Protein backbone atom coordinates (compact mmCIF):
# COMPACT_ATOMS: atom_id res chain seq x y z
CA UNK A 1 -49.37 -12.14 -92.39
CA UNK A 2 -47.10 -13.37 -89.61
CA UNK A 3 -47.96 -12.66 -85.96
CA UNK A 4 -45.42 -12.42 -83.15
CA UNK A 5 -45.79 -12.19 -79.39
CA UNK A 6 -45.21 -8.68 -78.09
CA UNK A 7 -42.24 -9.30 -75.82
CA UNK A 8 -42.98 -11.81 -73.10
CA UNK A 9 -46.68 -10.98 -73.15
CA UNK A 10 -49.32 -13.22 -74.64
CA UNK A 11 -50.44 -10.47 -77.03
CA UNK A 12 -49.86 -11.43 -80.65
CA UNK A 13 -49.40 -8.62 -83.15
CA UNK A 14 -48.88 -8.55 -86.89
CA UNK A 15 -45.35 -7.97 -88.13
CA UNK A 16 -46.63 -4.82 -89.79
CA UNK A 17 -48.46 -2.15 -87.81
CA UNK A 18 -50.47 0.63 -89.36
CA UNK A 19 -49.04 4.03 -88.46
CA UNK A 20 -51.30 7.08 -88.45
CA UNK A 21 -49.00 10.09 -88.16
CA UNK A 22 -50.27 11.20 -91.58
CA UNK A 23 -53.88 11.31 -90.37
CA UNK A 24 -55.19 14.85 -90.01
CA UNK A 25 -52.35 17.01 -91.31
CA UNK A 26 -52.72 19.66 -88.64
CA UNK A 27 -49.91 22.04 -87.69
CA UNK A 28 -46.39 20.73 -88.18
CA UNK A 29 -47.71 17.27 -89.01
CA UNK A 30 -48.91 18.60 -92.38
CA UNK A 31 -45.30 18.07 -93.51
CA UNK A 32 -45.79 14.33 -92.98
CA UNK A 33 -49.20 14.01 -94.61
CA UNK A 34 -52.80 15.10 -94.49
CA UNK A 35 -54.87 11.93 -94.76
CA UNK A 36 -58.57 12.69 -94.34
CA UNK A 37 -61.29 10.39 -92.99
CA UNK A 38 -62.19 8.90 -96.38
CA UNK A 39 -58.56 8.15 -97.23
CA UNK A 40 -57.93 6.78 -93.74
CA UNK A 41 -60.90 4.44 -94.05
CA UNK A 42 -59.55 3.05 -97.30
CA UNK A 43 -56.10 2.56 -95.78
CA UNK A 44 -57.45 0.88 -92.66
CA UNK A 45 -59.60 -1.42 -94.81
CA UNK A 46 -56.55 -2.29 -96.88
CA UNK A 47 -54.45 -3.05 -93.80
CA UNK A 48 -57.11 -5.17 -92.13
CA UNK A 49 -57.66 -7.10 -95.35
CA UNK A 50 -53.90 -7.82 -95.41
CA UNK A 51 -54.00 -9.17 -91.85
CA UNK A 52 -52.66 -6.15 -89.93
CA UNK A 53 -54.13 -6.24 -86.42
CA UNK A 54 -52.45 -3.24 -84.74
CA UNK A 55 -53.01 0.46 -85.39
CA UNK A 56 -50.60 2.91 -83.77
CA UNK A 57 -51.33 6.55 -83.08
CA UNK A 58 -50.50 9.24 -80.49
CA UNK A 59 -52.37 12.06 -78.82
CA UNK A 60 -49.91 14.62 -80.15
CA UNK A 61 -50.36 13.64 -83.83
CA UNK A 62 -52.16 16.63 -85.35
CA UNK A 63 -53.16 17.70 -81.83
CA UNK A 64 -55.53 14.78 -81.36
CA UNK A 65 -57.01 14.72 -84.87
CA UNK A 66 -55.22 11.47 -85.73
CA UNK A 67 -56.88 9.74 -82.77
CA UNK A 68 -60.24 11.22 -83.74
CA UNK A 69 -59.93 9.86 -87.27
CA UNK A 70 -58.90 6.43 -85.96
CA UNK A 71 -61.92 6.43 -83.67
CA UNK A 72 -64.28 7.38 -86.49
CA UNK A 73 -62.88 4.84 -88.92
CA UNK A 74 -63.03 2.01 -86.36
CA UNK A 75 -66.59 2.75 -85.27
CA UNK A 76 -68.54 -0.51 -85.30
CA UNK A 77 -65.45 -2.69 -85.66
CA UNK A 78 -63.25 -1.71 -82.74
CA UNK A 79 -62.94 -5.31 -81.56
CA UNK A 80 -61.37 -6.36 -84.86
CA UNK A 81 -58.12 -4.56 -84.17
CA UNK A 82 -55.67 -3.60 -81.44
CA UNK A 83 -55.13 0.11 -80.84
CA UNK A 84 -51.92 1.64 -79.48
CA UNK A 85 -51.48 5.28 -78.56
CA UNK A 86 -49.04 7.42 -76.60
CA UNK A 87 -48.83 10.09 -73.91
CA UNK A 88 -46.14 12.60 -72.87
CA UNK A 89 -45.92 15.37 -75.44
CA UNK A 90 -47.46 18.83 -74.93
CA UNK A 91 -51.20 18.91 -75.56
CA UNK A 92 -51.80 22.48 -74.41
CA UNK A 93 -50.10 25.58 -72.99
CA UNK A 94 -50.54 24.75 -69.31
CA UNK A 95 -47.76 23.64 -66.94
CA UNK A 96 -49.36 20.20 -66.56
CA UNK A 97 -50.22 19.69 -70.23
CA UNK A 98 -47.09 17.62 -70.86
CA UNK A 99 -44.90 15.07 -69.13
CA UNK A 100 -45.43 11.78 -67.34
CA UNK A 101 -46.94 12.98 -64.08
CA UNK A 102 -49.95 11.17 -62.66
CA UNK A 103 -52.01 14.24 -63.57
CA UNK A 104 -51.01 14.29 -67.23
CA UNK A 105 -51.05 10.54 -67.81
CA UNK A 106 -54.55 10.02 -66.42
CA UNK A 107 -55.94 13.15 -68.07
CA UNK A 108 -54.23 12.20 -71.31
CA UNK A 109 -55.64 8.68 -71.25
CA UNK A 110 -59.18 9.93 -70.62
CA UNK A 111 -58.87 12.37 -73.52
CA UNK A 112 -57.48 9.68 -75.84
CA UNK A 113 -60.32 7.32 -74.94
CA UNK A 114 -62.85 10.00 -75.87
CA UNK A 115 -61.16 10.76 -79.19
CA UNK A 116 -60.74 7.08 -80.03
CA UNK A 117 -64.37 6.33 -79.07
CA UNK A 118 -63.36 3.30 -77.06
CA UNK A 119 -63.38 2.10 -73.48
CA UNK A 120 -59.82 0.77 -73.50
CA UNK A 121 -56.40 1.18 -75.10
CA UNK A 122 -54.63 -2.07 -75.92
CA UNK A 123 -51.08 -0.68 -75.72
CA UNK A 124 -50.48 2.62 -73.94
CA UNK A 125 -46.97 3.94 -74.52
CA UNK A 126 -45.05 6.70 -72.77
CA UNK A 127 -43.90 8.70 -75.77
CA UNK A 128 -40.63 10.09 -74.43
CA UNK A 129 -38.52 10.27 -71.28
CA UNK A 130 -39.54 12.65 -68.49
CA UNK A 131 -36.51 13.24 -66.27
CA UNK A 132 -38.41 15.47 -63.86
CA UNK A 133 -41.13 13.04 -62.78
CA UNK A 134 -40.24 10.10 -60.50
CA UNK A 135 -40.59 6.80 -62.31
CA UNK A 136 -42.64 5.50 -59.39
CA UNK A 137 -45.25 8.18 -60.05
CA UNK A 138 -45.39 7.38 -63.77
CA UNK A 139 -45.70 3.64 -63.20
CA UNK A 140 -48.28 4.09 -60.44
CA UNK A 141 -50.44 6.14 -62.83
CA UNK A 142 -50.14 3.41 -65.46
CA UNK A 143 -51.04 0.82 -62.81
CA UNK A 144 -54.17 2.80 -61.97
CA UNK A 145 -55.23 2.76 -65.62
CA UNK A 146 -54.53 -0.97 -65.98
CA UNK A 147 -56.48 -1.77 -62.81
CA UNK A 148 -59.40 0.32 -64.06
CA UNK A 149 -59.44 -1.65 -67.32
CA UNK A 150 -58.70 1.41 -69.42
CA UNK A 151 -55.27 0.15 -70.50
CA UNK A 152 -54.24 -3.46 -71.12
CA UNK A 153 -50.49 -3.28 -71.81
CA UNK A 154 -47.92 -0.53 -71.33
CA UNK A 155 -44.83 0.30 -73.34
CA UNK A 156 -42.13 2.94 -73.72
CA UNK A 157 -40.87 4.91 -76.69
CA UNK A 158 -37.66 6.81 -77.40
CA UNK A 159 -35.89 5.91 -74.14
CA UNK A 160 -32.11 5.53 -73.92
CA UNK A 161 -30.69 2.24 -72.71
CA UNK A 162 -30.09 3.42 -69.15
CA UNK A 163 -33.51 5.08 -68.93
CA UNK A 164 -35.20 1.91 -70.13
CA UNK A 165 -33.33 -0.30 -67.67
CA UNK A 166 -34.04 2.12 -64.82
CA UNK A 167 -37.75 1.97 -65.64
CA UNK A 168 -37.74 -1.82 -65.81
CA UNK A 169 -35.76 -2.06 -62.59
CA UNK A 170 -38.16 0.29 -60.83
CA UNK A 171 -41.11 -1.77 -62.03
CA UNK A 172 -39.52 -5.01 -60.82
CA UNK A 173 -38.60 -3.50 -57.47
CA UNK A 174 -42.02 -2.01 -56.78
CA UNK A 175 -44.31 -4.55 -58.44
CA UNK A 176 -45.66 -1.86 -60.76
CA UNK A 177 -46.43 -2.48 -64.46
CA UNK A 178 -43.49 -3.49 -66.57
CA UNK A 179 -43.16 -2.26 -70.12
CA UNK A 180 -43.83 -5.10 -72.56
CA UNK A 181 -42.38 -3.21 -75.50
CA UNK A 182 -40.45 -0.23 -76.71
CA UNK A 183 -41.17 1.75 -79.87
CA UNK A 184 -37.94 3.04 -81.36
CA UNK A 185 -36.40 4.47 -84.49
CA UNK A 186 -34.42 1.76 -86.26
CA UNK A 187 -33.55 1.47 -89.92
CA UNK A 188 -30.77 0.76 -92.38
CA UNK A 189 -30.20 4.52 -92.46
CA UNK A 190 -29.19 4.56 -88.79
CA UNK A 191 -28.71 1.40 -86.76
CA UNK A 192 -27.94 3.24 -83.52
CA UNK A 193 -30.52 1.15 -81.65
CA UNK A 194 -28.15 -1.82 -81.92
CA UNK A 195 -25.77 -0.31 -79.36
CA UNK A 196 -28.13 -0.56 -76.37
CA UNK A 197 -31.83 -0.79 -77.18
CA UNK A 198 -31.87 -4.02 -79.18
CA UNK A 199 -29.57 -5.84 -76.71
CA UNK A 200 -31.77 -4.61 -73.83
CA UNK A 201 -34.86 -5.92 -75.61
CA UNK A 202 -33.26 -9.34 -76.07
CA UNK A 203 -32.04 -9.45 -72.47
CA UNK A 204 -35.27 -8.18 -70.91
CA UNK A 205 -37.77 -9.86 -73.19
CA UNK A 206 -39.23 -6.69 -74.66
CA UNK A 207 -41.05 -6.44 -77.93
CA UNK A 208 -39.75 -3.87 -80.40
CA UNK A 209 -42.04 -1.73 -82.53
CA UNK A 210 -40.09 0.23 -85.12
CA UNK A 211 -41.16 3.70 -86.15
CA UNK A 212 -40.06 5.12 -89.49
CA UNK A 213 -38.45 1.86 -90.70
CA UNK A 214 -37.93 3.52 -94.10
CA UNK A 215 -36.23 6.54 -92.52
CA UNK A 216 -39.05 8.85 -93.52
CA UNK A 217 -38.78 7.65 -97.13
CA UNK A 218 -35.00 7.94 -97.41
CA UNK A 219 -34.79 4.18 -98.06
CA UNK A 220 -37.56 4.14 -100.66
CA UNK A 221 -35.10 4.25 -103.55
CA UNK A 222 -36.13 7.78 -104.52
CA UNK A 223 -33.10 9.40 -102.86
CA UNK A 224 -29.97 8.37 -104.74
CA UNK A 225 -26.59 9.84 -105.39
CA UNK A 226 -26.71 12.27 -108.29
CA UNK A 227 -30.49 11.97 -108.71
CA UNK A 228 -32.82 14.88 -108.06
CA UNK A 229 -35.37 13.97 -105.35
CA UNK A 230 -39.02 13.87 -106.49
CA UNK A 231 -40.94 17.15 -106.45
CA UNK A 232 -42.53 17.76 -103.07
CA UNK A 233 -40.10 15.48 -101.24
CA UNK A 234 -39.52 16.50 -97.65
CA UNK A 235 -36.35 14.57 -96.88
CA UNK A 236 -32.87 16.08 -97.26
CA UNK A 237 -34.57 19.50 -97.27
CA UNK A 238 -36.29 21.18 -94.31
CA UNK A 239 -37.46 17.97 -92.62
CA UNK A 240 -34.80 16.47 -90.38
CA UNK A 241 -36.43 13.46 -88.74
CA UNK A 242 -34.48 11.28 -88.88
CA UNK A 243 -31.32 13.38 -89.19
CA UNK A 244 -28.77 12.31 -91.79
CA UNK A 245 -25.24 12.40 -90.42
CA UNK A 246 -23.52 10.59 -93.29
CA UNK A 247 -25.21 11.22 -96.61
CA UNK A 248 -22.64 9.27 -98.63
CA UNK A 249 -23.16 6.18 -96.47
CA UNK A 250 -26.90 6.55 -96.92
CA UNK A 251 -26.46 6.63 -100.69
CA UNK A 252 -24.25 3.52 -100.53
CA UNK A 253 -26.94 1.68 -98.57
CA UNK A 254 -29.68 2.77 -100.95
CA UNK A 255 -27.70 1.48 -103.93
CA UNK A 256 -27.55 -1.98 -102.37
CA UNK A 257 -31.29 -1.84 -101.65
CA UNK A 258 -32.02 -0.86 -105.23
CA UNK A 259 -29.78 -3.63 -106.60
CA UNK A 260 -31.37 -6.32 -104.43
CA UNK A 261 -34.82 -5.01 -105.24
CA UNK A 262 -34.09 -5.13 -108.95
CA UNK A 263 -32.86 -8.72 -108.66
CA UNK A 264 -36.01 -9.67 -106.76
CA UNK A 265 -38.40 -7.60 -108.85
CA UNK A 266 -39.59 -5.61 -105.85
CA UNK A 267 -39.21 -1.97 -104.72
CA UNK A 268 -36.23 -1.01 -102.58
CA UNK A 269 -38.59 -0.14 -99.73
CA UNK A 270 -39.74 -3.76 -99.46
CA UNK A 271 -36.13 -4.90 -99.13
CA UNK A 272 -35.47 -2.37 -96.35
CA UNK A 273 -38.54 -3.52 -94.43
CA UNK A 274 -37.76 -7.21 -94.91
CA UNK A 275 -34.25 -6.61 -93.55
CA UNK A 276 -35.61 -5.20 -90.28
CA UNK A 277 -38.13 -8.01 -89.87
CA UNK A 278 -35.20 -10.41 -89.68
CA UNK A 279 -33.35 -8.50 -86.97
CA UNK A 280 -33.24 -9.69 -83.33
CA UNK A 281 -36.11 -8.66 -81.03
CA UNK A 282 -38.05 -6.83 -83.76
CA UNK A 283 -41.77 -7.55 -83.40
CA UNK A 284 -43.49 -5.21 -85.83
CA UNK A 285 -42.75 -2.33 -88.19
CA UNK A 286 -44.98 0.73 -88.04
CA UNK A 287 -45.71 1.62 -91.65
CA UNK A 288 -47.60 4.57 -93.05
CA UNK A 289 -48.19 5.85 -96.55
CA UNK A 290 -49.47 8.87 -98.40
CA UNK A 291 -50.92 6.80 -101.24
CA UNK A 292 -52.64 3.46 -101.75
CA UNK A 293 -49.78 2.35 -104.00
CA UNK A 294 -47.18 3.02 -101.30
CA UNK A 295 -49.23 1.14 -98.74
CA UNK A 296 -49.66 -1.83 -101.09
CA UNK A 297 -45.91 -2.02 -101.64
CA UNK A 298 -45.14 -1.77 -97.93
CA UNK A 299 -47.67 -4.44 -96.96
CA UNK A 300 -46.05 -6.86 -99.41
CA UNK A 301 -42.83 -6.73 -97.38
CA UNK A 302 -44.38 -9.13 -94.87
CA UNK A 303 -43.93 -11.91 -97.43
CA UNK A 304 -40.36 -11.11 -98.50
CA UNK A 305 -37.53 -13.14 -96.96
CA UNK A 306 -33.97 -12.11 -97.75
CA UNK A 307 -31.14 -14.55 -98.25
CA UNK A 308 -28.09 -14.63 -96.00
CA UNK A 309 -26.01 -13.18 -98.83
CA UNK A 310 -28.44 -10.29 -99.35
CA UNK A 311 -28.48 -9.54 -95.64
CA UNK A 312 -24.68 -9.61 -95.53
CA UNK A 313 -24.50 -7.03 -98.33
CA UNK A 314 -26.85 -4.72 -96.47
CA UNK A 315 -24.93 -5.26 -93.24
CA UNK A 316 -21.66 -4.34 -94.90
CA UNK A 317 -23.12 -1.11 -96.27
CA UNK A 318 -24.81 0.05 -93.06
CA UNK A 319 -23.20 -1.59 -90.00
CA UNK A 320 -22.61 0.83 -87.09
CA UNK A 321 -19.04 1.52 -86.01
CA UNK A 322 -18.15 -0.07 -82.69
CA UNK A 323 -17.96 2.67 -80.06
CA UNK A 324 -16.25 2.26 -76.71
CA UNK A 325 -16.66 -0.01 -74.74
CA UNK A 326 -17.99 -2.28 -77.50
CA UNK A 327 -14.75 -2.48 -79.48
CA UNK A 328 -12.90 -3.29 -76.27
CA UNK A 329 -15.39 -6.01 -75.34
CA UNK A 330 -15.11 -7.49 -78.81
CA UNK A 331 -11.35 -7.78 -78.28
CA UNK A 332 -11.23 -8.92 -74.66
CA UNK A 333 -14.60 -10.35 -73.57
CA UNK A 334 -15.56 -12.58 -76.46
CA UNK A 335 -15.32 -15.71 -74.28
CA UNK A 336 -18.26 -14.67 -72.06
CA UNK A 337 -20.79 -12.78 -74.16
CA UNK A 338 -24.55 -13.26 -73.84
CA UNK A 339 -27.06 -13.54 -76.70
CA UNK A 340 -27.91 -9.88 -76.06
CA UNK A 341 -24.23 -8.88 -76.42
CA UNK A 342 -23.90 -10.84 -79.62
CA UNK A 343 -26.67 -8.93 -81.39
CA UNK A 344 -24.10 -6.16 -81.83
CA UNK A 345 -20.74 -7.85 -81.38
CA UNK A 346 -21.36 -11.17 -83.11
CA UNK A 347 -20.53 -10.04 -86.66
CA UNK A 348 -17.34 -8.36 -85.44
CA UNK A 349 -16.14 -11.54 -83.72
CA UNK A 350 -16.50 -13.41 -86.98
CA UNK A 351 -13.93 -11.00 -88.44
């Protein structure tokens, strides 16, 4: 297992992170999975044996049940692993049961600590933007938790580029905690993060944790043009996270994944994961699985290195279209582009 520094911090995390959205199966999360304590223990054991040192959860996953299961499974071995969780989403019906106010962040952290059966959270992530709470208030609450020793590092998730830069600028201006990482959706199914979020990570020295790197299973090789999806599949039906805006392009990308996987003797999912691990700024991929077999396959992706030719084929099938002002910069600013700019524009300049 390879370990990478999380952004500019000294914290080293495995290139694969164990995701726990499937733990619990309560409410709407039952559509994702319903892993019970016994299954979760087996999966955690498997991940730790493979060298995974980060487990990611969130208070909102199954209304806290995911955190409770993580806490139970890690009892007696908490110090063997890093734990990340999140705060922001509604956890009750009250007016202060959601958001990034000082009230909700501190109350949310205390509740997560109880469910996780621990005295600290290694990476505490704001789960989503809150445009109605001043950033100073959010960052001051996180500072209070860091000072108290309840949180060691802070990160963001699902911010836009301007929101992320505003948060980082506010932190720099006020001396409040700076996000060390962002957790984002990024996959061969939709490389939207390459417009702003990946360049921002390169420029600002942020780590990138990727959620749903297999696009909720769309890149597993099970969803192909003209092939009936497996019974019980949730994608391309009533489950729309992530949304599919161009189904034909998705099928084109999957065909390349399947072809490369066949040549390598590995599942398409491993190829999709290996592709992301070679992208700029990516630190770790958050992987989850409903079965032991799926988890075994996903863990093996840490050892797969794609060739330049294989990567080029995947790029050609999935590259995002240059929006304005990127196409204009590619035409007129190519003499003064930074490494962050080139993460998106570099391949287009070569044309």
